[in-house]
Each structure stands twice: as C-alpha cells, then as structure tokens.
Amino acid sequence: MDRDKIQIDLIKLPYGERLLRLTEPRSGLTLEKELDADQPVARQKERLLGMFRAALARADLHAA
C-alpha cells in the first residue's frame, strides 16, 4: 500500500465546524474527525495521520 497517496480533505460544515477526512484510495479506508476549534489544525492533522497510518498497517497485517 502506497501511504504517500493518502488523500486529505478539510471540509467546512454548515455551522462553521470543520471536518478532517483522510482516505487511502486503493483500500477505500477512510477516517474522519471533527476538528477542535481551540487546537491548531496542523497538530490535529498530524495526530490523525498517525492514527490512520497505524490503522493501515494493521489492515496490512490482517490481510497477509
């Protein structure tokens, strides 16, 4: 699985909230999280990206 191909979308919801969506196109695995307005987006993105990569690694292990 090519982890460099992770798609990252920042979506603005109707009432001003923001949602961060990470998608790995080949597997279709997606992780979404509503962002905390009091925390820097970059920090939240890195944390979520780490969780997503760990989930992808676990999925690779179970597929083997």
PDB file of N, CA and C in Angstrom:
ATOM      1  N   MET A   1       0.838  -1.175   0.000  1.00  0.00           N
ATOM      2  CA  MET A   1       0.000   0.000   0.000  1.00  0.00           C
ATOM      3  C   MET A   1       0.886   1.241   0.000  1.00  0.00           C
ATOM      4  N   ASP A   2       0.609   2.156  -0.883  1.00  0.00           N
ATOM      5  CA  ASP A   2       1.416   3.367  -1.003  1.00  0.00           C
ATOM      6  C   ASP A   2       0.859   4.449  -0.083  1.00  0.00           C
ATOM      7  N   ARG A   3       1.485   4.625   1.071  1.00  0.00           N
ATOM      8  CA  ARG A   3       0.989   5.556   2.078  1.00  0.00           C
ATOM      9  C   ARG A   3       1.140   7.025   1.667  1.00  0.00           C
ATOM     10  N   ASP A   4       1.953   7.272   0.634  1.00  0.00           N
ATOM     11  CA  ASP A   4       2.105   8.648   0.154  1.00  0.00           C
ATOM     12  C   ASP A   4       0.883   9.111  -0.627  1.00  0.00           C
ATOM     13  N   LYS A   5      -0.007   8.207  -0.922  1.00  0.00           N
ATOM     14  CA  LYS A   5      -1.200   8.527  -1.703  1.00  0.00           C
ATOM     15  C   LYS A   5      -2.409   8.836  -0.825  1.00  0.00           C
ATOM     16  N   ILE A   6      -2.222   9.040   0.452  1.00  0.00           N
ATOM     17  CA  ILE A   6      -3.334   9.352   1.354  1.00  0.00           C
ATOM     18  C   ILE A   6      -3.894  10.718   0.977  1.00  0.00           C
ATOM     19  N   GLN A   7      -5.192  10.742   0.732  1.00  0.00           N
ATOM     20  CA  GLN A   7      -5.874  11.982   0.375  1.00  0.00           C
ATOM     21  C   GLN A   7      -6.365  12.651   1.659  1.00  0.00           C
ATOM     22  N   ILE A   8      -6.117  13.940   1.805  1.00  0.00           N
ATOM     23  CA  ILE A   8      -6.523  14.700   2.986  1.00  0.00           C
ATOM     24  C   ILE A   8      -7.473  15.810   2.554  1.00  0.00           C
ATOM     25  N   ASP A   9      -8.672  15.815   3.130  1.00  0.00           N
ATOM     26  CA  ASP A   9      -9.671  16.835   2.815  1.00  0.00           C
ATOM     27  C   ASP A   9     -10.069  17.558   4.088  1.00  0.00           C
ATOM     28  N   LEU A  10     -10.136  18.869   4.009  1.00  0.00           N
ATOM     29  CA  LEU A  10     -10.646  19.702   5.097  1.00  0.00           C
ATOM     30  C   LEU A  10     -12.004  20.215   4.634  1.00  0.00           C
ATOM     31  N   ILE A  11     -13.052  19.820   5.328  1.00  0.00           N
ATOM     32  CA  ILE A  11     -14.417  20.117   4.923  1.00  0.00           C
ATOM     33  C   ILE A  11     -15.047  21.066   5.933  1.00  0.00           C
ATOM     34  N   LYS A  12     -15.627  22.149   5.435  1.00  0.00           N
ATOM     35  CA  LYS A  12     -16.320  23.094   6.308  1.00  0.00           C
ATOM     36  C   LYS A  12     -17.790  22.701   6.350  1.00  0.00           C
ATOM     37  N   LEU A  13     -18.294  22.460   7.550  1.00  0.00           N
ATOM     38  CA  LEU A  13     -19.678  22.060   7.749  1.00  0.00           C
ATOM     39  C   LEU A  13     -20.580  23.291   7.842  1.00  0.00           C
ATOM     40  N   PRO A  14     -21.906  23.120   7.718  1.00  0.00           N
ATOM     41  CA  PRO A  14     -22.835  24.256   7.643  1.00  0.00           C
ATOM     42  C   PRO A  14     -22.749  25.278   8.784  1.00  0.00           C
ATOM     43  N   TYR A  15     -22.441  24.874   9.980  1.00  0.00           N
ATOM     44  CA  TYR A  15     -22.442  25.806  11.115  1.00  0.00           C
ATOM     45  C   TYR A  15     -21.041  26.256  11.509  1.00  0.00           C
ATOM     46  N   GLY A  16     -20.088  26.127  10.595  1.00  0.00           N
ATOM     47  CA  GLY A  16     -18.739  26.609  10.839  1.00  0.00           C
ATOM     48  C   GLY A  16     -17.779  25.556  11.360  1.00  0.00           C
ATOM     49  N   GLU A  17     -18.276  24.396  11.752  1.00  0.00           N
ATOM     50  CA  GLU A  17     -17.378  23.336  12.195  1.00  0.00           C
ATOM     51  C   GLU A  17     -16.558  22.859  11.003  1.00  0.00           C
ATOM     52  N   ARG A  18     -15.418  22.241  11.300  1.00  0.00           N
ATOM     53  CA  ARG A  18     -14.563  21.703  10.243  1.00  0.00           C
ATOM     54  C   ARG A  18     -14.326  20.225  10.494  1.00  0.00           C
ATOM     55  N   LEU A  19     -14.272  19.474   9.412  1.00  0.00           N
ATOM     56  CA  LEU A  19     -14.080  18.037   9.461  1.00  0.00           C
ATOM     57  C   LEU A  19     -12.821  17.711   8.665  1.00  0.00           C
ATOM     58  N   LEU A  20     -11.962  16.874   9.242  1.00  0.00           N
ATOM     59  CA  LEU A  20     -10.774  16.418   8.533  1.00  0.00           C
ATOM     60  C   LEU A  20     -11.023  14.982   8.107  1.00  0.00           C
ATOM     61  N   ARG A  21     -10.879  14.723   6.806  1.00  0.00           N
ATOM     62  CA  ARG A  21     -11.113  13.378   6.273  1.00  0.00           C
ATOM     63  C   ARG A  21      -9.840  12.879   5.604  1.00  0.00           C
ATOM     64  N   LEU A  22      -9.383  11.693   6.007  1.00  0.00           N
ATOM     65  CA  LEU A  22      -8.231  11.037   5.391  1.00  0.00           C
ATOM     66  C   LEU A  22      -8.738   9.798   4.664  1.00  0.00           C
ATOM     67  N   THR A  23      -8.309   9.619   3.422  1.00  0.00           N
ATOM     68  CA  THR A  23      -8.746   8.480   2.625  1.00  0.00           C
ATOM     69  C   THR A  23      -7.552   7.857   1.926  1.00  0.00           C
ATOM     70  N   GLU A  24      -7.473   6.539   1.970  1.00  0.00           N
ATOM     71  CA  GLU A  24      -6.475   5.803   1.212  1.00  0.00           C
ATOM     72  C   GLU A  24      -7.240   5.211   0.025  1.00  0.00           C
ATOM     73  N   PRO A  25      -7.049   5.769  -1.184  1.00  0.00           N
ATOM     74  CA  PRO A  25      -7.894   5.420  -2.318  1.00  0.00           C
ATOM     75  C   PRO A  25      -7.894   3.939  -2.711  1.00  0.00           C
ATOM     76  N   ARG A  26      -6.764   3.283  -2.606  1.00  0.00           N
ATOM     77  CA  ARG A  26      -6.682   1.885  -3.047  1.00  0.00           C
ATOM     78  C   ARG A  26      -7.541   0.966  -2.200  1.00  0.00           C
ATOM     79  N   SER A  27      -7.498   1.136  -0.885  1.00  0.00           N
ATOM     80  CA  SER A  27      -8.262   0.273   0.010  1.00  0.00           C
ATOM     81  C   SER A  27      -9.662   0.819   0.276  1.00  0.00           C
ATOM     82  N   GLY A  28      -9.818   2.134   0.094  1.00  0.00           N
ATOM     83  CA  GLY A  28     -11.096   2.771   0.395  1.00  0.00           C
ATOM     84  C   GLY A  28     -11.260   3.097   1.868  1.00  0.00           C
ATOM     85  N   LEU A  29     -10.244   2.827   2.674  1.00  0.00           N
ATOM     86  CA  LEU A  29     -10.308   3.117   4.105  1.00  0.00           C
ATOM     87  C   LEU A  29     -10.341   4.630   4.320  1.00  0.00           C
ATOM     88  N   THR A  30     -11.287   5.074   5.147  1.00  0.00           N
ATOM     89  CA  THR A  30     -11.456   6.497   5.428  1.00  0.00           C
ATOM     90  C   THR A  30     -11.557   6.724   6.924  1.00  0.00           C
ATOM     91  N   LEU A  31     -10.967   7.809   7.389  1.00  0.00           N
ATOM     92  CA  LEU A  31     -11.053   8.209   8.782  1.00  0.00           C
ATOM     93  C   LEU A  31     -11.451   9.675   8.807  1.00  0.00           C
ATOM     94  N   GLU A  32     -12.492   9.995   9.581  1.00  0.00           N
ATOM     95  CA  GLU A  32     -12.968  11.370   9.691  1.00  0.00           C
ATOM     96  C   GLU A  32     -13.007  11.786  11.150  1.00  0.00           C
ATOM     97  N   LYS A  33     -12.712  13.066  11.373  1.00  0.00           N
ATOM     98  CA  LYS A  33     -12.787  13.605  12.724  1.00  0.00           C
ATOM     99  C   LYS A  33     -13.144  15.081  12.641  1.00  0.00           C
ATOM    100  N   GLU A  34     -14.089  15.486  13.490  1.00  0.00           N
ATOM    101  CA  GLU A  34     -14.417  16.904  13.585  1.00  0.00           C
ATOM    102  C   GLU A  34     -13.276  17.576  14.343  1.00  0.00           C
ATOM    103  N   LEU A  35     -12.801  18.701  13.822  1.00  0.00           N
ATOM    104  CA  LEU A  35     -11.667  19.392  14.421  1.00  0.00           C
ATOM    105  C   LEU A  35     -12.095  20.231  15.616  1.00  0.00           C
ATOM    106  N   ASP A  36     -11.200  20.313  16.579  1.00  0.00           N
ATOM    107  CA  ASP A  36     -11.384  21.154  17.758  1.00  0.00           C
ATOM    108  C   ASP A  36     -10.921  22.566  17.395  1.00  0.00           C
ATOM    109  N   ALA A  37     -11.831  23.523  17.441  1.00  0.00           N
ATOM    110  CA  ALA A  37     -11.520  24.905  17.049  1.00  0.00           C
ATOM    111  C   ALA A  37     -10.451  25.537  17.935  1.00  0.00           C
ATOM    112  N   ASP A  38     -10.223  24.999  19.140  1.00  0.00           N
ATOM    113  CA  ASP A  38      -9.247  25.566  20.064  1.00  0.00           C
ATOM    114  C   ASP A  38      -7.838  25.001  19.877  1.00  0.00           C
ATOM    115  N   GLN A  39      -7.682  24.025  18.984  1.00  0.00           N
ATOM    116  CA  GLN A  39      -6.383  23.395  18.750  1.00  0.00           C
ATOM    117  C   GLN A  39      -5.903  23.710  17.337  1.00  0.00           C
ATOM    118  N   PRO A  40      -4.589  23.844  17.142  1.00  0.00           N
ATOM    119  CA  PRO A  40      -4.074  24.093  15.792  1.00  0.00           C
ATOM    120  C   PRO A  40      -4.419  22.940  14.834  1.00  0.00           C
ATOM    121  N   VAL A  41      -4.834  23.290  13.635  1.00  0.00           N
ATOM    122  CA  VAL A  41      -5.222  22.285  12.641  1.00  0.00           C
ATOM    123  C   VAL A  41      -4.042  21.369  12.317  1.00  0.00           C
ATOM    124  N   ALA A  42      -2.849  21.926  12.174  1.00  0.00           N
ATOM    125  CA  ALA A  42      -1.676  21.129  11.810  1.00  0.00           C
ATOM    126  C   ALA A  42      -1.411  20.026  12.841  1.00  0.00           C
ATOM    127  N   ARG A  43      -1.533  20.351  14.120  1.00  0.00           N
ATOM    128  CA  ARG A  43      -1.303  19.354  15.173  1.00  0.00           C
ATOM    129  C   ARG A  43      -2.350  18.244  15.103  1.00  0.00           C
ATOM    130  N   GLN A  44      -3.607  18.640  14.908  1.00  0.00           N
ATOM    131  CA  GLN A  44      -4.677  17.646  14.823  1.00  0.00           C
ATOM    132  C   GLN A  44      -4.506  16.769  13.578  1.00  0.00           C
ATOM    133  N   LYS A  45      -4.071  17.371  12.480  1.00  0.00           N
ATOM    134  CA  LYS A  45      -3.848  16.634  11.237  1.00  0.00           C
ATOM    135  C   LYS A  45      -2.750  15.595  11.432  1.00  0.00           C
ATOM    136  N   GLU A  46      -1.652  15.977  12.053  1.00  0.00           N
ATOM    137  CA  GLU A  46      -0.545  15.039  12.264  1.00  0.00           C
ATOM    138  C   GLU A  46      -0.963  13.888  13.174  1.00  0.00           C
ATOM    139  N   ARG A  47      -1.720  14.197  14.214  1.00  0.00           N
ATOM    140  CA  ARG A  47      -2.198  13.161  15.132  1.00  0.00           C
ATOM    141  C   ARG A  47      -3.114  12.177  14.403  1.00  0.00           C
ATOM    142  N   LEU A  48      -4.051  12.701  13.618  1.00  0.00           N
ATOM    143  CA  LEU A  48      -4.984  11.860  12.887  1.00  0.00           C
ATOM    144  C   LEU A  48      -4.261  11.047  11.811  1.00  0.00           C
ATOM    145  N   LEU A  49      -3.285  11.658  11.159  1.00  0.00           N
ATOM    146  CA  LEU A  49      -2.499  10.951  10.144  1.00  0.00           C
ATOM    147  C   LEU A  49      -1.737   9.781  10.768  1.00  0.00           C
ATOM    148  N   GLY A  50      -1.184   9.976  11.956  1.00  0.00           N
ATOM    149  CA  GLY A  50      -0.500   8.883  12.659  1.00  0.00           C
ATOM    150  C   GLY A  50      -1.447   7.742  12.982  1.00  0.00           C
ATOM    151  N   MET A  51      -2.655   8.076  13.445  1.00  0.00           N
ATOM    152  CA  MET A  51      -3.650   7.045  13.746  1.00  0.00           C
ATOM    153  C   MET A  51      -4.061   6.305  12.471  1.00  0.00           C
ATOM    154  N   PHE A  52      -4.210   7.045  11.385  1.00  0.00           N
ATOM    155  CA  PHE A  52      -4.638   6.455  10.125  1.00  0.00           C
ATOM    156  C   PHE A  52      -3.569   5.515   9.581  1.00  0.00           C
ATOM    157  N   ARG A  53      -2.320   5.945   9.641  1.00  0.00           N
ATOM    158  CA  ARG A  53      -1.222   5.077   9.167  1.00  0.00           C
ATOM    159  C   ARG A  53      -1.139   3.800  10.001  1.00  0.00           C
ATOM    160  N   ALA A  54      -1.365   3.910  11.315  1.00  0.00           N
ATOM    161  CA  ALA A  54      -1.360   2.718  12.175  1.00  0.00           C
ATOM    162  C   ALA A  54      -2.500   1.771  11.789  1.00  0.00           C
ATOM    163  N   ALA A  55      -3.673   2.328  11.484  1.00  0.00           N
ATOM    164  CA  ALA A  55      -4.810   1.501  11.063  1.00  0.00           C
ATOM    165  C   ALA A  55      -4.503   0.805   9.739  1.00  0.00           C
ATOM    166  N   LEU A  56      -3.871   1.520   8.815  1.00  0.00           N
ATOM    167  CA  LEU A  56      -3.494   0.911   7.543  1.00  0.00           C
ATOM    168  C   LEU A  56      -2.476  -0.208   7.751  1.00  0.00           C
ATOM    169  N   ALA A  57      -1.525  -0.003   8.645  1.00  0.00           N
ATOM    170  CA  ALA A  57      -0.521  -1.032   8.931  1.00  0.00           C
ATOM    171  C   ALA A  57      -1.189  -2.276   9.512  1.00  0.00           C
ATOM    172  N   ARG A  58      -2.145  -2.077  10.421  1.00  0.00           N
ATOM    173  CA  ARG A  58      -2.876  -3.217  10.990  1.00  0.00           C
ATOM    174  C   ARG A  58      -3.685  -3.948   9.926  1.00  0.00           C
ATOM    175  N   ALA A  59      -4.283  -3.196   9.029  1.00  0.00           N
ATOM    176  CA  ALA A  59      -5.049  -3.806   7.943  1.00  0.00           C
ATOM    177  C   ALA A  59      -4.126  -4.635   7.038  1.00  0.00           C
ATOM    178  N   ASP A  60      -2.909  -4.136   6.803  1.00  0.00           N
ATOM    179  CA  ASP A  60      -1.923  -4.895   6.003  1.00  0.00           C
ATOM    180  C   ASP A  60      -1.572  -6.206   6.693  1.00  0.00           C
ATOM    181  N   LEU A  61      -1.396  -6.163   8.018  1.00  0.00           N
ATOM    182  CA  LEU A  61      -1.033  -7.368   8.768  1.00  0.00           C
ATOM    183  C   LEU A  61      -2.141  -8.415   8.699  1.00  0.00           C
ATOM    184  N   HIS A  62      -3.388  -7.974   8.820  1.00  0.00           N
ATOM    185  CA  HIS A  62      -4.500  -8.909   8.804  1.00  0.00           C
ATOM    186  C   HIS A  62      -4.769  -9.448   7.408  1.00  0.00           C
ATOM    187  N   ALA A  63      -4.379  -8.727   6.389  1.00  0.00           N
ATOM    188  CA  ALA A  63      -4.591  -9.171   5.010  1.00  0.00           C
ATOM    189  C   ALA A  63      -3.545 -10.209   4.594  1.00  0.00           C
ATOM    190  N   ALA A  64      -2.407 -10.187   5.257  1.00  0.00           N
ATOM    191  CA  ALA A  64      -1.304 -11.103   4.877  1.00  0.00           C
ATOM    192  C   ALA A  64      -1.533 -12.516   5.366  1.00  0.00           C
TER     193      ALA A  64
END
